[in-house]
Amino acid sequence: MTLESSANSIGRANSAPTSTRMNASPLSYKDAGVDIDAGDALVERIKPLAKKTMREGVLAGIGGFGALFEVPKRYQEPVLVSGTDGVGTKLRLAFEWNMHDTVGIDLVAMSVNDVLVQGAEPLFFLDYFACGKLDVDTAAAVVGGIARGCELAGCALIGGETAEMPGMYPAGEYDLAGFAVGAVEKSKILAGQDVQEGDVVLGLASSGVHSNGFSLVRKCIERAAGQQPATLDGRPFREAVMEPTRIYVKPVLAALQKHAGIKALAHITGGGLLENIPRVLPDGLAAHLQQGAWPRSELFAWLQQVAAIDDHEMNRTFNNGIGMVVVVAPGAAADVAETLRLAGEAVHEIGRIAARGNGASVTVS
């Protein structure tokens, strides 16, 4: 990771008028708001975190101008799959509540879960951390979360960028972006092309709101100012709200390797259940989900009550308790569900695939 510039100082122009030279004092990059020493200290804090994520394929990681990665030779016809995302307005709560150690997990999760949907194994991840003034402890907490997310996903943190840009961000604030690259055998790409009527829709439980819908979450918190419950789902209120996005990579990859009946995956992000499932359905098909087929958390019940919105709006704003959908052939559904449960996932049969007709592509009833 590097700072905005590698320049050490801003020198005085030789052509400046004599009076200007006499009255001017030297200006360093630090005087301009960029602390190179702090950036170097952050890099040293990051190196051992990144080292823990190393895996096969990494040729060169943190510290160079570019990171090198070799696609593992076990792939016969590798197709690269990429994904990029941020954390969105969940960061506002991280600033206000001084909770920086898990938003890095969110950053990784949003990209690796998207890559996973194509059936791909995430290989490596790079991040971008931008701020007005670098606070090494805060940045290290964020990157520590990124490294933890990479460990959970089995991908390497092989590079990134730390940009200290005075005047661009208010004090104490930062922005995050990242991207992941994965690989899948060309013959095993999941695109939903084999989905048909009668297929079973399995839902993998979310860990909470994940990283979408936080503009509404924050409105709910403002509306209920001073009246939030002390706990939700057995955790302190703020911890329940900030619970990081669940990373489904390892359990789902294991299920894909073991079972041929998995036909499609859908990561439930912005747009909720109603907008994401149709992205993996062939024309003419719909997913009919059964209301009440999965548990309703106290967190989502509280959000719906405070926002005073109906079930339809909940299902197209939030994941509403389901973070990943798996479409499976009927004969394989029980075995796939068992494999995922043994890997630690909470799995629910939430619906079936049927002909769409003139109705919506996803219904919940």
Protein backbone atom coordinates (compact mmCIF):
# COMPACT_ATOMS: atom_id res chain seq x y z
CA MET A 1 0.00 0.00 0.00
CA THR A 2 1.29 3.47 -0.82
CA LEU A 3 0.41 7.05 -0.11
CA GLU A 4 -0.97 9.51 -2.64
CA SER A 5 2.56 10.38 -3.78
CA SER A 6 6.08 9.18 -3.14
CA ALA A 7 7.49 12.71 -3.16
CA ASN A 8 9.31 13.63 0.04
CA SER A 9 8.84 17.38 -0.07
CA ILE A 10 7.76 20.32 -2.14
CA GLY A 11 10.86 22.30 -3.09
CA ARG A 12 11.12 26.04 -3.75
CA ALA A 13 11.18 27.14 -7.37
CA ASN A 14 14.55 28.52 -8.46
CA SER A 15 12.86 31.12 -10.60
CA ALA A 16 10.88 32.67 -7.75
CA PRO A 17 11.45 36.39 -7.07
CA THR A 18 14.14 37.17 -4.49
CA SER A 19 11.63 38.67 -2.07
CA THR A 20 9.54 35.50 -2.14
CA ARG A 21 12.58 33.30 -1.48
CA MET A 22 13.64 35.46 1.44
CA ASN A 23 10.21 35.33 3.12
CA ALA A 24 9.33 31.71 2.37
CA SER A 25 10.05 28.80 4.71
CA PRO A 26 10.50 25.21 3.54
CA LEU A 27 7.30 23.25 3.03
CA SER A 28 7.26 19.48 3.48
CA TYR A 29 4.64 17.00 2.29
CA LYS A 30 3.62 16.67 5.95
CA ASP A 31 2.99 20.43 6.08
CA ALA A 32 0.61 19.90 3.15
CA GLY A 33 -1.25 17.24 5.12
CA VAL A 34 0.34 14.01 3.87
CA ASP A 35 2.30 12.04 6.48
CA ILE A 36 4.64 9.64 4.70
CA ASP A 37 5.93 8.26 7.99
CA ALA A 38 2.40 7.35 9.06
CA GLY A 39 1.89 5.61 5.74
CA ASP A 40 5.07 3.63 6.18
CA ALA A 41 4.01 2.67 9.72
CA LEU A 42 0.67 1.44 8.37
CA VAL A 43 2.38 -0.70 5.73
CA GLU A 44 4.48 -2.35 8.44
CA ARG A 45 1.33 -3.05 10.49
CA ILE A 46 -0.39 -4.52 7.43
CA LYS A 47 2.38 -6.87 6.26
CA PRO A 48 1.88 -9.61 8.90
CA LEU A 49 -1.90 -9.44 8.39
CA ALA A 50 -1.53 -9.93 4.65
CA LYS A 51 1.02 -12.70 5.15
CA LYS A 52 -1.60 -14.79 6.98
CA THR A 53 -3.76 -14.79 3.82
CA MET A 54 -1.10 -16.12 1.44
CA ARG A 55 -2.05 -19.13 -0.67
CA GLU A 56 -1.01 -21.04 -3.78
CA GLY A 57 -0.57 -18.78 -6.77
CA VAL A 58 0.85 -15.73 -5.00
CA LEU A 59 4.13 -14.71 -6.66
CA ALA A 60 4.48 -11.20 -5.23
CA GLY A 61 2.23 -9.34 -2.84
CA ILE A 62 2.32 -6.26 -0.59
CA GLY A 63 5.11 -3.76 -1.27
CA GLY A 64 5.59 -3.79 -5.03
CA PHE A 65 4.06 -1.66 -7.75
CA GLY A 66 1.85 -4.54 -8.80
CA ALA A 67 0.87 -7.87 -7.28
CA LEU A 68 1.62 -11.07 -9.20
CA PHE A 69 -0.60 -14.15 -9.11
CA GLU A 70 -0.41 -17.38 -11.10
CA VAL A 71 -3.66 -19.24 -11.74
CA PRO A 72 -3.28 -22.64 -10.02
CA LYS A 73 -2.28 -25.37 -12.47
CA ARG A 74 -5.10 -27.64 -11.31
CA TYR A 75 -7.43 -25.61 -13.57
CA GLN A 76 -7.73 -27.05 -17.09
CA GLU A 77 -9.74 -24.23 -18.72
CA PRO A 78 -9.75 -21.43 -16.16
CA VAL A 79 -12.13 -18.52 -16.60
CA LEU A 80 -11.41 -15.47 -14.46
CA VAL A 81 -14.33 -13.92 -12.60
CA SER A 82 -14.04 -10.47 -11.04
CA GLY A 83 -16.16 -8.48 -8.63
CA THR A 84 -15.89 -5.03 -7.07
CA ASP A 85 -17.87 -3.23 -4.38
CA GLY A 86 -17.73 -0.99 -1.33
CA VAL A 87 -19.41 -0.92 2.06
CA GLY A 88 -21.83 1.91 1.39
CA THR A 89 -23.39 4.07 4.09
CA LYS A 90 -22.73 1.44 6.74
CA LEU A 91 -19.48 3.37 7.05
CA ARG A 92 -21.41 6.32 8.53
CA LEU A 93 -22.24 4.19 11.55
CA ALA A 94 -18.66 2.94 11.76
CA PHE A 95 -17.55 6.58 12.07
CA GLU A 96 -20.24 7.57 14.57
CA TRP A 97 -19.87 4.48 16.75
CA ASN A 98 -16.09 4.10 16.37
CA MET A 99 -16.50 0.52 15.14
CA HIS A 100 -13.87 -0.06 12.46
CA ASP A 101 -12.73 -3.64 12.93
CA THR A 102 -15.46 -5.43 10.94
CA VAL A 103 -16.22 -3.18 7.95
CA GLY A 104 -13.20 -4.72 6.23
CA ILE A 105 -14.92 -8.10 6.41
CA ASP A 106 -17.95 -6.48 4.76
CA LEU A 107 -15.73 -5.13 2.00
CA VAL A 108 -14.31 -8.55 1.17
CA ALA A 109 -17.65 -10.33 1.53
CA MET A 110 -19.49 -8.15 -0.94
CA SER A 111 -17.04 -9.02 -3.72
CA VAL A 112 -16.16 -12.64 -2.96
CA ASN A 113 -19.82 -13.65 -2.53
CA ASP A 114 -20.56 -12.14 -5.95
CA VAL A 115 -17.63 -14.02 -7.51
CA LEU A 116 -18.84 -17.22 -5.84
CA VAL A 117 -22.24 -16.97 -7.56
CA GLN A 118 -20.61 -17.96 -10.87
CA GLY A 119 -19.22 -21.04 -9.17
CA ALA A 120 -15.78 -19.43 -8.92
CA GLU A 121 -13.15 -19.79 -6.23
CA PRO A 122 -11.92 -16.33 -5.08
CA LEU A 123 -8.15 -16.20 -5.61
CA PHE A 124 -7.02 -12.75 -4.52
CA PHE A 125 -8.28 -9.42 -3.25
CA LEU A 126 -7.08 -5.80 -3.40
CA ASP A 127 -8.41 -2.87 -1.39
CA TYR A 128 -8.48 0.94 -1.61
CA PHE A 129 -8.56 2.99 1.60
CA ALA A 130 -8.92 6.77 1.18
CA CYS A 131 -8.95 9.41 3.90
CA GLY A 132 -8.21 13.06 4.53
CA LYS A 133 -5.72 12.45 7.34
CA LEU A 134 -4.34 9.00 8.04
CA ASP A 135 -4.96 7.58 11.50
CA VAL A 136 -2.75 4.50 11.64
CA ASP A 137 -4.76 2.73 14.35
CA THR A 138 -8.07 3.18 12.52
CA ALA A 139 -6.63 2.14 9.17
CA ALA A 140 -4.95 -0.89 10.74
CA ALA A 141 -8.27 -1.95 12.30
CA VAL A 142 -9.99 -1.66 8.92
CA VAL A 143 -7.28 -3.58 7.07
CA GLY A 144 -7.25 -6.16 9.85
CA GLY A 145 -10.89 -6.81 9.00
CA ILE A 146 -10.03 -7.06 5.32
CA ALA A 147 -7.36 -9.64 6.10
CA ARG A 148 -9.81 -11.59 8.27
CA GLY A 149 -12.35 -11.55 5.44
CA CYS A 150 -9.74 -12.88 3.04
CA GLU A 151 -8.91 -15.70 5.45
CA LEU A 152 -12.61 -16.62 5.68
CA ALA A 153 -12.86 -16.62 1.87
CA GLY A 154 -9.58 -18.47 1.30
CA CYS A 155 -8.23 -15.74 -0.95
CA ALA A 156 -4.99 -13.78 -0.70
CA LEU A 157 -4.75 -10.10 0.18
CA ILE A 158 -2.00 -9.28 -2.29
CA GLY A 159 -2.16 -5.52 -2.59
CA GLY A 160 -4.02 -2.29 -2.16
CA GLU A 161 -3.74 1.45 -1.92
CA THR A 162 -3.83 3.86 1.00
CA ALA A 163 -4.58 7.37 -0.21
CA GLU A 164 -4.16 10.28 2.23
CA MET A 165 -5.81 13.25 0.51
CA PRO A 166 -6.06 16.40 2.63
CA GLY A 167 -9.28 18.33 2.09
CA MET A 168 -11.11 15.47 0.39
CA TYR A 169 -12.65 13.85 3.49
CA PRO A 170 -13.79 15.25 6.86
CA ALA A 171 -11.70 14.42 9.91
CA GLY A 172 -12.23 10.86 11.14
CA GLU A 173 -13.84 9.66 7.90
CA TYR A 174 -12.63 7.40 5.11
CA ASP A 175 -13.93 5.47 2.12
CA LEU A 176 -13.40 1.86 1.13
CA ALA A 177 -13.47 -0.02 -2.14
CA GLY A 178 -12.12 -3.38 -3.15
CA PHE A 179 -12.18 -6.05 -5.78
CA ALA A 180 -11.73 -9.78 -5.97
CA VAL A 181 -10.63 -12.06 -8.78
CA GLY A 182 -11.59 -15.72 -8.87
CA ALA A 183 -11.41 -18.65 -11.25
CA VAL A 184 -13.80 -21.35 -12.38
CA GLU A 185 -13.50 -24.18 -14.88
CA LYS A 186 -15.21 -23.09 -18.08
CA SER A 187 -17.38 -26.23 -18.07
CA LYS A 188 -18.56 -25.51 -14.51
CA ILE A 189 -19.66 -21.88 -14.79
CA LEU A 190 -22.99 -21.34 -13.04
CA ALA A 191 -25.26 -19.04 -15.04
CA GLY A 192 -28.68 -20.48 -14.21
CA GLN A 193 -29.05 -21.98 -17.67
CA ASP A 194 -30.14 -25.39 -16.31
CA VAL A 195 -32.76 -24.10 -13.85
CA GLN A 196 -36.19 -25.58 -14.54
CA GLU A 197 -39.66 -25.95 -13.06
CA GLY A 198 -39.76 -27.95 -9.86
CA ASP A 199 -36.25 -27.05 -8.71
CA VAL A 200 -35.89 -26.37 -5.00
CA VAL A 201 -34.86 -22.97 -3.62
CA LEU A 202 -32.64 -23.21 -0.55
CA GLY A 203 -31.84 -20.15 1.53
CA LEU A 204 -28.67 -19.71 3.56
CA ALA A 205 -29.20 -17.52 6.61
CA SER A 206 -27.67 -14.07 6.69
CA SER A 207 -25.74 -12.79 9.69
CA GLY A 208 -27.82 -9.62 9.76
CA VAL A 209 -28.36 -6.66 7.46
CA HIS A 210 -24.98 -7.31 5.77
CA SER A 211 -24.00 -4.18 3.78
CA ASN A 212 -27.14 -3.08 1.94
CA GLY A 213 -30.08 -0.99 3.00
CA PHE A 214 -28.12 1.11 5.49
CA SER A 215 -29.56 4.40 4.30
CA LEU A 216 -32.89 3.11 5.61
CA VAL A 217 -31.26 1.53 8.69
CA ARG A 218 -29.79 4.89 9.62
CA LYS A 219 -33.17 6.58 9.15
CA CYS A 220 -34.69 4.02 11.50
CA ILE A 221 -31.99 4.69 14.09
CA GLU A 222 -32.65 8.44 13.81
CA ARG A 223 -36.41 7.94 14.11
CA ALA A 224 -36.00 5.79 17.22
CA ALA A 225 -33.35 8.03 18.78
CA GLY A 226 -32.94 7.18 22.44
CA GLN A 227 -35.49 4.37 22.21
CA GLN A 228 -33.49 1.60 20.57
CA PRO A 229 -33.63 -1.77 22.30
CA ALA A 230 -30.62 -2.64 24.45
CA THR A 231 -30.19 -5.94 22.63
CA LEU A 232 -31.34 -7.62 19.43
CA ASP A 233 -31.02 -11.35 18.85
CA GLY A 234 -29.01 -11.70 22.04
CA ARG A 235 -26.38 -9.09 21.18
CA PRO A 236 -25.91 -5.42 22.08
CA PHE A 237 -27.86 -3.22 19.68
CA ARG A 238 -24.87 -1.70 17.90
CA GLU A 239 -23.13 -5.06 17.48
CA ALA A 240 -26.30 -6.56 15.98
CA VAL A 241 -26.59 -3.69 13.48
CA MET A 242 -22.89 -3.78 12.54
CA GLU A 243 -22.54 -7.58 12.34
CA PRO A 244 -20.40 -8.13 9.22
CA THR A 245 -21.62 -9.72 6.02
CA ARG A 246 -21.44 -13.49 6.10
CA ILE A 247 -18.90 -15.02 3.72
CA TYR A 248 -20.34 -18.16 2.10
CA VAL A 249 -17.34 -19.14 0.00
CA LYS A 250 -15.87 -22.22 1.69
CA PRO A 251 -19.14 -24.07 2.49
CA VAL A 252 -20.64 -23.40 -0.94
CA LEU A 253 -17.48 -24.37 -2.84
CA ALA A 254 -17.40 -27.62 -0.85
CA ALA A 255 -21.03 -28.30 -1.77
CA LEU A 256 -20.35 -27.52 -5.45
CA GLN A 257 -17.45 -29.95 -5.47
CA LYS A 258 -19.53 -32.71 -3.89
CA HIS A 259 -22.93 -32.30 -5.57
CA ALA A 260 -23.81 -31.99 -9.24
CA GLY A 261 -27.37 -30.86 -8.55
CA ILE A 262 -26.61 -27.22 -7.74
CA LYS A 263 -27.88 -25.16 -10.67
CA ALA A 264 -27.67 -21.52 -9.62
CA LEU A 265 -26.63 -19.20 -6.79
CA ALA A 266 -27.85 -15.71 -5.98
CA HIS A 267 -26.15 -13.33 -3.55
CA ILE A 268 -28.88 -11.29 -1.85
CA THR A 269 -27.51 -7.75 -1.88
CA GLY A 270 -29.07 -4.41 -2.88
CA GLY A 271 -32.61 -5.07 -4.07
CA GLY A 272 -33.16 -7.90 -1.63
CA LEU A 273 -34.80 -11.20 -2.48
CA LEU A 274 -37.09 -9.69 -5.08
CA GLU A 275 -34.40 -8.12 -7.27
CA ASN A 276 -31.50 -10.59 -6.98
CA ILE A 277 -33.05 -14.02 -7.52
CA PRO A 278 -34.37 -13.10 -11.02
CA ARG A 279 -30.79 -12.44 -12.13
CA VAL A 280 -30.14 -16.21 -12.23
CA LEU A 281 -33.50 -17.38 -13.63
CA PRO A 282 -34.06 -18.23 -17.31
CA ASP A 283 -36.84 -16.39 -19.12
CA GLY A 284 -40.29 -17.71 -18.33
CA LEU A 285 -39.48 -18.99 -14.84
CA ALA A 286 -40.21 -17.59 -11.41
CA ALA A 287 -39.26 -18.35 -7.83
CA HIS A 288 -42.20 -18.80 -5.48
CA LEU A 289 -41.01 -18.35 -1.92
CA GLN A 290 -43.01 -19.45 1.12
CA GLN A 291 -43.62 -16.79 3.74
CA GLY A 292 -42.41 -17.99 7.12
CA ALA A 293 -40.17 -20.72 5.71
CA TRP A 294 -37.18 -19.16 7.46
CA PRO A 295 -36.84 -17.55 10.91
CA ARG A 296 -37.45 -13.85 11.36
CA SER A 297 -34.80 -12.11 13.44
CA GLU A 298 -35.51 -9.45 16.03
CA LEU A 299 -33.34 -7.06 14.02
CA PHE A 300 -35.47 -7.21 10.88
CA ALA A 301 -38.68 -7.14 12.91
CA TRP A 302 -37.46 -3.97 14.63
CA LEU A 303 -36.48 -2.33 11.33
CA GLN A 304 -39.86 -3.09 9.78
CA GLN A 305 -41.73 -1.78 12.82
CA VAL A 306 -39.77 1.47 13.01
CA ALA A 307 -39.84 2.06 9.25
CA ALA A 308 -43.55 1.14 9.10
CA ILE A 309 -43.14 -0.63 5.75
CA ASP A 310 -44.89 -3.71 4.36
CA ASP A 311 -43.42 -7.14 3.64
CA HIS A 312 -42.93 -6.36 -0.05
CA GLU A 313 -40.77 -3.33 0.70
CA MET A 314 -38.78 -5.32 3.26
CA ASN A 315 -38.08 -8.06 0.71
CA ARG A 316 -36.81 -5.65 -1.92
CA THR A 317 -34.74 -3.51 0.46
CA PHE A 318 -33.04 -6.03 2.77
CA ASN A 319 -31.87 -9.62 2.58
CA ASN A 320 -34.51 -10.14 5.28
CA GLY A 321 -32.64 -13.09 6.79
CA ILE A 322 -31.44 -14.88 3.63
CA GLY A 323 -27.96 -13.94 2.41
CA MET A 324 -27.46 -16.53 -0.33
CA VAL A 325 -29.94 -18.52 -2.41
CA VAL A 326 -29.08 -21.94 -3.85
CA VAL A 327 -31.26 -23.42 -6.61
CA VAL A 328 -31.01 -27.21 -6.58
CA ALA A 329 -32.50 -30.17 -8.45
CA PRO A 330 -35.25 -31.76 -6.30
CA GLY A 331 -33.43 -35.06 -5.91
CA ALA A 332 -30.28 -33.37 -4.62
CA ALA A 333 -31.85 -30.79 -2.30
CA ALA A 334 -31.70 -32.81 0.93
CA ASP A 335 -28.07 -33.87 0.40
CA VAL A 336 -26.95 -30.36 -0.55
CA ALA A 337 -28.69 -28.91 2.49
CA GLU A 338 -27.03 -31.46 4.76
CA THR A 339 -23.57 -30.73 3.34
CA LEU A 340 -24.07 -27.01 3.92
CA ARG A 341 -25.36 -27.55 7.46
CA LEU A 342 -22.36 -29.70 8.32
CA ALA A 343 -20.18 -26.81 7.10
CA GLY A 344 -21.87 -24.46 9.56
CA GLU A 345 -24.62 -22.88 7.47
CA ALA A 346 -28.22 -22.45 8.61
CA VAL A 347 -30.16 -23.80 5.62
CA HIS A 348 -33.88 -23.48 4.92
CA GLU A 349 -36.01 -24.75 2.05
CA ILE A 350 -37.74 -21.51 1.14
CA GLY A 351 -39.49 -22.17 -2.17
CA ARG A 352 -39.73 -23.71 -5.63
CA ILE A 353 -39.16 -22.73 -9.23
CA ALA A 354 -42.28 -22.59 -11.39
CA ALA A 355 -43.52 -21.17 -14.67
CA ARG A 356 -43.76 -17.40 -14.44
CA GLY A 357 -46.86 -16.76 -16.50
CA ASN A 358 -48.00 -13.15 -16.13
CA GLY A 359 -46.87 -12.81 -12.54
CA ALA A 360 -43.75 -11.46 -10.89
CA SER A 361 -40.43 -13.29 -11.23
CA VAL A 362 -40.29 -13.67 -7.43
CA THR A 363 -43.27 -13.99 -5.15
CA VAL A 364 -43.40 -14.41 -1.38
CA SER A 365 -46.70 -15.75 -0.05
